[in-house]
Protein backbone atom coordinates (compact mmCIF):
# COMPACT_ATOMS: atom_id res chain seq x y z
CA UNK A 1 -0.18 -0.06 0.23
CA UNK A 2 0.76 3.89 -0.53
CA UNK A 3 1.38 3.94 3.95
CA UNK A 4 4.56 5.65 5.59
CA UNK A 5 7.09 4.31 5.48
CA UNK A 6 8.04 2.16 8.26
CA UNK A 7 10.16 3.49 10.88
CA UNK A 8 14.03 2.54 11.07
CA UNK A 9 14.61 0.43 14.80
CA UNK A 10 16.94 2.31 17.13
CA UNK A 11 19.92 -0.12 16.06
CA UNK A 12 19.57 0.44 12.36
CA UNK A 13 19.75 4.20 13.57
CA UNK A 14 23.07 4.02 15.79
CA UNK A 15 24.50 1.89 12.75
CA UNK A 16 24.00 4.95 10.30
CA UNK A 17 25.26 7.42 12.57
CA UNK A 18 28.68 5.01 13.32
CA UNK A 19 28.94 4.60 10.10
CA UNK A 20 28.88 8.41 8.83
CA UNK A 21 30.43 10.10 11.81
CA UNK A 22 32.75 12.48 10.72
CA UNK A 23 34.24 13.21 13.66
CA UNK A 24 34.53 16.79 14.20
CA UNK A 25 34.97 16.26 18.13
CA UNK A 26 35.77 13.74 20.84
CA UNK A 27 32.97 12.49 23.19
CA UNK A 28 29.36 12.90 23.32
CA UNK A 29 28.87 16.43 22.08
CA UNK A 30 28.01 19.29 23.86
CA UNK A 31 24.26 18.86 24.01
CA UNK A 32 21.46 16.62 22.43
CA UNK A 33 22.16 18.22 18.78
CA UNK A 34 25.66 18.59 18.96
CA UNK A 35 26.29 14.88 19.02
CA UNK A 36 24.40 14.76 15.54
CA UNK A 37 25.73 17.74 14.21
CA UNK A 38 29.28 16.81 15.38
CA UNK A 39 29.02 13.10 13.41
CA UNK A 40 28.13 15.30 10.20
CA UNK A 41 24.18 14.00 10.96
CA UNK A 42 20.84 16.18 10.59
CA UNK A 43 17.62 15.33 12.13
CA UNK A 44 14.77 16.78 12.62
CA UNK A 45 12.13 15.67 15.69
CA UNK A 46 8.15 16.16 15.85
CA UNK A 47 8.57 18.17 18.86
CA UNK A 48 10.73 20.75 16.91
CA UNK A 49 14.47 19.82 18.18
CA UNK A 50 16.52 19.43 15.28
CA UNK A 51 20.13 20.40 14.57
CA UNK A 52 21.17 23.38 13.01
CA UNK A 53 21.85 23.68 9.51
CA UNK A 54 25.16 22.48 8.08
CA UNK A 55 26.80 24.60 4.88
CA UNK A 56 30.23 23.07 5.27
CA UNK A 57 31.17 19.31 5.05
CA UNK A 58 33.92 20.33 6.95
CA UNK A 59 34.34 20.33 10.96
CA UNK A 60 34.27 23.66 12.15
CA UNK A 61 37.96 25.25 13.46
CA UNK A 62 38.18 25.31 16.88
CA UNK A 63 38.56 28.80 18.47
CA UNK A 64 42.26 29.40 18.51
CA UNK A 65 43.17 28.51 22.05
CA UNK A 66 45.47 31.39 24.38
CA UNK A 67 48.85 30.00 26.04
CA UNK A 68 48.54 30.10 29.91
CA UNK A 69 51.85 31.99 30.09
CA UNK A 70 50.10 34.96 28.27
CA UNK A 71 46.80 34.68 30.63
CA UNK A 72 49.17 34.73 33.75
CA UNK A 73 51.26 37.56 32.55
CA UNK A 74 48.03 39.62 31.59
CA UNK A 75 46.72 39.00 34.91
CA UNK A 76 49.68 40.36 36.69
CA UNK A 77 50.05 43.00 34.95
CA UNK A 78 46.27 44.01 35.76
CA UNK A 79 47.21 43.30 39.49
CA UNK A 80 50.31 46.09 38.88
CA UNK A 81 53.25 43.62 38.85
């Protein structure tokens, strides 16, 4: 018939997630959407939870981290010495 397509079982979904993971970040992501976004996947639920649109197939560049010694020097200068 012309009914709705069958909903995939959870093991099938996680198999797709694992095989498609582009590995942008280690671990589980910063939130529920981060898990999928970092894996390069998108989803949307019937309760309007969804991942943000992604236009770049590459992982986003992380913010440049400042060296701790530079931060300590600046803190000392703020305190006057």
